[in-house]
């Protein structure tokens, strides 16, 4: 190779490396925030944490889930996906949050005035569409 060909090769490689470095995707927002706790219960406190934690409910209870996140992001979406027994979707709701540094708590709830069927339920929590955790709970037959 001539000196001129070597110079072109070096310049071409340098441009390729620079182009690759500039085209890397930005880190996703969810990298700055994570779910650190999921709790279920019959009621929530003023700070949206579960006041009466349980995994066993009566058919007419309102069921609460408290989702604790840590970190910060300009925006993030939390989803609570409620399922019955074999994965049958009962309900799904979303909340957009803009967490700042430190812990943030978000509350979801579900009620059915005419009563929930007895059985095992799961609430799946998603952060920006990715599963962040699940909690199982049961509804006991009314006595």
C-alpha atoms as a PDB file:
ATOM      1  CA  UNK A   1       0.000   0.000   0.000  1.00  0.00           C
ATOM      2  CA  UNK A   2       1.123   3.484  -0.739  1.00  0.00           C
ATOM      3  CA  UNK A   3       1.222   6.240   1.816  1.00  0.00           C
ATOM      4  CA  UNK A   4      -1.784   7.861   0.142  1.00  0.00           C
ATOM      5  CA  UNK A   5      -3.835   4.617   0.374  1.00  0.00           C
ATOM      6  CA  UNK A   6      -2.888   4.238   4.054  1.00  0.00           C
ATOM      7  CA  UNK A   7      -4.032   7.800   4.759  1.00  0.00           C
ATOM      8  CA  UNK A   8      -7.381   7.175   3.019  1.00  0.00           C
ATOM      9  CA  UNK A   9      -7.875   3.951   4.964  1.00  0.00           C
ATOM     10  CA  UNK A  10      -7.127   5.639   8.304  1.00  0.00           C
ATOM     11  CA  UNK A  11      -9.443   8.576   7.496  1.00  0.00           C
ATOM     12  CA  UNK A  12     -12.187   6.179   6.360  1.00  0.00           C
ATOM     13  CA  UNK A  13     -11.933   4.147   9.569  1.00  0.00           C
ATOM     14  CA  UNK A  14     -11.945   7.298  11.696  1.00  0.00           C
ATOM     15  CA  UNK A  15     -15.097   8.531   9.933  1.00  0.00           C
ATOM     16  CA  UNK A  16     -16.786   5.150  10.356  1.00  0.00           C
ATOM     17  CA  UNK A  17     -16.013   5.117  14.085  1.00  0.00           C
ATOM     18  CA  UNK A  18     -17.265   8.698  14.483  1.00  0.00           C
ATOM     19  CA  UNK A  19     -20.465   7.925  12.565  1.00  0.00           C
ATOM     20  CA  UNK A  20     -21.110   4.814  14.665  1.00  0.00           C
ATOM     21  CA  UNK A  21     -20.545   6.728  17.914  1.00  0.00           C
ATOM     22  CA  UNK A  22     -22.964   9.470  16.859  1.00  0.00           C
ATOM     23  CA  UNK A  23     -25.686   7.055  15.775  1.00  0.00           C
ATOM     24  CA  UNK A  24     -25.937   5.137  19.065  1.00  0.00           C
ATOM     25  CA  UNK A  25     -29.425   5.389  20.537  1.00  0.00           C
ATOM     26  CA  UNK A  26     -29.952   7.496  23.612  1.00  0.00           C
ATOM     27  CA  UNK A  27     -30.478   5.538  26.852  1.00  0.00           C
ATOM     28  CA  UNK A  28     -34.162   4.827  27.444  1.00  0.00           C
ATOM     29  CA  UNK A  29     -36.038   6.737  30.118  1.00  0.00           C
ATOM     30  CA  UNK A  30     -36.669   3.589  32.117  1.00  0.00           C
ATOM     31  CA  UNK A  31     -32.951   3.244  32.827  1.00  0.00           C
ATOM     32  CA  UNK A  32     -33.280   6.171  35.259  1.00  0.00           C
ATOM     33  CA  UNK A  33     -36.226   4.779  37.209  1.00  0.00           C
ATOM     34  CA  UNK A  34     -37.030   1.310  38.526  1.00  0.00           C
ATOM     35  CA  UNK A  35     -39.803  -0.387  40.481  1.00  0.00           C
ATOM     36  CA  UNK A  36     -38.556  -1.272  43.954  1.00  0.00           C
ATOM     37  CA  UNK A  37     -41.714  -2.563  45.678  1.00  0.00           C
ATOM     38  CA  UNK A  38     -45.235  -3.741  44.879  1.00  0.00           C
ATOM     39  CA  UNK A  39     -47.750  -4.229  47.683  1.00  0.00           C
ATOM     40  CA  UNK A  40     -51.464  -5.103  47.756  1.00  0.00           C
ATOM     41  CA  UNK A  41     -54.033  -4.377  50.430  1.00  0.00           C
ATOM     42  CA  UNK A  42     -57.470  -3.121  51.458  1.00  0.00           C
ATOM     43  CA  UNK A  43     -56.603   0.548  51.933  1.00  0.00           C
ATOM     44  CA  UNK A  44     -53.926   3.149  51.285  1.00  0.00           C
ATOM     45  CA  UNK A  45     -52.416   5.798  53.517  1.00  0.00           C
ATOM     46  CA  UNK A  46     -52.101   9.479  52.589  1.00  0.00           C
ATOM     47  CA  UNK A  47     -48.665   8.779  51.062  1.00  0.00           C
ATOM     48  CA  UNK A  48     -50.227   6.104  48.766  1.00  0.00           C
ATOM     49  CA  UNK A  49     -48.522   3.210  50.558  1.00  0.00           C
ATOM     50  CA  UNK A  50     -50.666   0.256  51.630  1.00  0.00           C
ATOM     51  CA  UNK A  51     -52.188   0.892  55.067  1.00  0.00           C
ATOM     52  CA  UNK A  52     -53.770  -2.552  55.479  1.00  0.00           C
ATOM     53  CA  UNK A  53     -51.570  -5.045  53.642  1.00  0.00           C
ATOM     54  CA  UNK A  54     -53.085  -8.445  52.830  1.00  0.00           C
ATOM     55  CA  UNK A  55     -53.229 -11.020  50.067  1.00  0.00           C
ATOM     56  CA  UNK A  56     -56.706 -12.274  51.001  1.00  0.00           C
ATOM     57  CA  UNK A  57     -59.826 -10.268  50.133  1.00  0.00           C
ATOM     58  CA  UNK A  58     -63.594 -10.444  50.537  1.00  0.00           C
ATOM     59  CA  UNK A  59     -65.671 -10.353  47.320  1.00  0.00           C
ATOM     60  CA  UNK A  60     -66.824  -6.741  47.892  1.00  0.00           C
ATOM     61  CA  UNK A  61     -63.425  -5.313  48.909  1.00  0.00           C
ATOM     62  CA  UNK A  62     -61.682  -2.633  46.907  1.00  0.00           C
ATOM     63  CA  UNK A  63     -58.238  -4.001  46.043  1.00  0.00           C
ATOM     64  CA  UNK A  64     -55.327  -1.572  46.110  1.00  0.00           C
ATOM     65  CA  UNK A  65     -51.823  -1.929  44.720  1.00  0.00           C
ATOM     66  CA  UNK A  66     -49.065   0.447  45.723  1.00  0.00           C
ATOM     67  CA  UNK A  67     -46.057   0.710  43.399  1.00  0.00           C
ATOM     68  CA  UNK A  68     -42.858   2.231  44.724  1.00  0.00           C
ATOM     69  CA  UNK A  69     -40.330   3.518  42.203  1.00  0.00           C
ATOM     70  CA  UNK A  70     -36.867   4.902  42.734  1.00  0.00           C
ATOM     71  CA  UNK A  71     -34.835   7.201  40.522  1.00  0.00           C
ATOM     72  CA  UNK A  72     -35.780   9.917  38.106  1.00  0.00           C
ATOM     73  CA  UNK A  73     -36.958  10.273  34.526  1.00  0.00           C
ATOM     74  CA  UNK A  74     -38.638  13.060  32.575  1.00  0.00           C
ATOM     75  CA  UNK A  75     -41.580  10.698  32.118  1.00  0.00           C
ATOM     76  CA  UNK A  76     -42.476   7.061  32.615  1.00  0.00           C
ATOM     77  CA  UNK A  77     -45.634   4.979  32.341  1.00  0.00           C
ATOM     78  CA  UNK A  78     -46.754   2.548  35.020  1.00  0.00           C
ATOM     79  CA  UNK A  79     -49.400  -0.022  34.113  1.00  0.00           C
ATOM     80  CA  UNK A  80     -51.386  -2.254  36.448  1.00  0.00           C
ATOM     81  CA  UNK A  81     -52.699  -5.343  34.639  1.00  0.00           C
ATOM     82  CA  UNK A  82     -55.213  -7.253  36.769  1.00  0.00           C
ATOM     83  CA  UNK A  83     -55.780 -10.919  35.844  1.00  0.00           C
ATOM     84  CA  UNK A  84     -57.977 -13.746  37.121  1.00  0.00           C
ATOM     85  CA  UNK A  85     -56.967 -17.408  37.521  1.00  0.00           C
ATOM     86  CA  UNK A  86     -55.744 -18.518  34.074  1.00  0.00           C
ATOM     87  CA  UNK A  87     -54.603 -15.087  32.897  1.00  0.00           C
ATOM     88  CA  UNK A  88     -58.026 -13.732  31.967  1.00  0.00           C
ATOM     89  CA  UNK A  89     -57.706  -9.929  31.827  1.00  0.00           C
ATOM     90  CA  UNK A  90     -59.947  -8.237  34.380  1.00  0.00           C
ATOM     91  CA  UNK A  91     -58.735  -4.649  33.958  1.00  0.00           C
ATOM     92  CA  UNK A  92     -55.734  -2.615  32.909  1.00  0.00           C
ATOM     93  CA  UNK A  93     -54.959   0.976  33.823  1.00  0.00           C
ATOM     94  CA  UNK A  94     -52.019   3.303  33.220  1.00  0.00           C
ATOM     95  CA  UNK A  95     -50.556   6.302  34.958  1.00  0.00           C
ATOM     96  CA  UNK A  96     -47.931   8.621  33.552  1.00  0.00           C
ATOM     97  CA  UNK A  97     -45.412   9.698  36.157  1.00  0.00           C
ATOM     98  CA  UNK A  98     -42.459  12.091  36.146  1.00  0.00           C
ATOM     99  CA  UNK A  99     -40.409  10.812  39.077  1.00  0.00           C
ATOM    100  CA  UNK A 100     -37.685  12.962  40.567  1.00  0.00           C
ATOM    101  CA  UNK A 101     -34.687  11.661  42.489  1.00  0.00           C
ATOM    102  CA  UNK A 102     -35.711   9.389  45.313  1.00  0.00           C
ATOM    103  CA  UNK A 103     -38.756   7.264  46.009  1.00  0.00           C
ATOM    104  CA  UNK A 104     -42.152   7.865  44.410  1.00  0.00           C
ATOM    105  CA  UNK A 105     -45.316   5.914  45.200  1.00  0.00           C
ATOM    106  CA  UNK A 106     -48.184   5.379  42.761  1.00  0.00           C
ATOM    107  CA  UNK A 107     -51.516   3.786  43.680  1.00  0.00           C
ATOM    108  CA  UNK A 108     -53.939   1.754  41.561  1.00  0.00           C
ATOM    109  CA  UNK A 109     -57.210   0.237  42.737  1.00  0.00           C
ATOM    110  CA  UNK A 110     -59.997  -1.969  41.515  1.00  0.00           C
ATOM    111  CA  UNK A 111     -63.509  -2.521  42.815  1.00  0.00           C
ATOM    112  CA  UNK A 112     -66.601  -4.465  41.822  1.00  0.00           C
ATOM    113  CA  UNK A 113     -69.702  -3.493  43.848  1.00  0.00           C
ATOM    114  CA  UNK A 114     -71.535  -6.744  43.013  1.00  0.00           C
ATOM    115  CA  UNK A 115     -68.530  -8.769  44.202  1.00  0.00           C
ATOM    116  CA  UNK A 116     -65.466 -10.515  42.809  1.00  0.00           C
ATOM    117  CA  UNK A 117     -65.639 -14.220  41.987  1.00  0.00           C
ATOM    118  CA  UNK A 118     -63.650 -16.322  44.444  1.00  0.00           C
ATOM    119  CA  UNK A 119     -60.253 -17.427  43.179  1.00  0.00           C
ATOM    120  CA  UNK A 120     -56.649 -16.457  42.641  1.00  0.00           C
ATOM    121  CA  UNK A 121     -55.794 -13.141  40.988  1.00  0.00           C
ATOM    122  CA  UNK A 122     -52.552 -11.536  39.844  1.00  0.00           C
ATOM    123  CA  UNK A 123     -51.649  -7.916  39.372  1.00  0.00           C
ATOM    124  CA  UNK A 124     -48.762  -7.395  36.967  1.00  0.00           C
ATOM    125  CA  UNK A 125     -46.961  -4.055  37.095  1.00  0.00           C
ATOM    126  CA  UNK A 126     -45.254  -2.790  33.961  1.00  0.00           C
ATOM    127  CA  UNK A 127     -42.817   0.102  33.682  1.00  0.00           C
ATOM    128  CA  UNK A 128     -42.751   1.597  30.188  1.00  0.00           C
ATOM    129  CA  UNK A 129     -44.274  -1.610  28.825  1.00  0.00           C
ATOM    130  CA  UNK A 130     -41.775  -3.997  30.465  1.00  0.00           C
ATOM    131  CA  UNK A 131     -42.810  -6.284  33.322  1.00  0.00           C
ATOM    132  CA  UNK A 132     -41.507  -4.925  36.625  1.00  0.00           C
ATOM    133  CA  UNK A 133     -43.097  -7.494  38.927  1.00  0.00           C
ATOM    134  CA  UNK A 134     -46.269  -9.293  39.964  1.00  0.00           C
ATOM    135  CA  UNK A 135     -48.282  -9.910  43.128  1.00  0.00           C
ATOM    136  CA  UNK A 136     -50.756 -12.726  43.630  1.00  0.00           C
ATOM    137  CA  UNK A 137     -53.786 -12.424  45.882  1.00  0.00           C
ATOM    138  CA  UNK A 138     -57.001 -14.321  46.436  1.00  0.00           C
ATOM    139  CA  UNK A 139     -60.654 -13.523  46.857  1.00  0.00           C
ATOM    140  CA  UNK A 140     -62.313 -15.831  49.372  1.00  0.00           C
ATOM    141  CA  UNK A 141     -65.853 -17.131  49.025  1.00  0.00           C
ATOM    142  CA  UNK A 142     -68.380 -14.977  50.897  1.00  0.00           C
ATOM    143  CA  UNK A 143     -69.655 -16.659  54.051  1.00  0.00           C
END
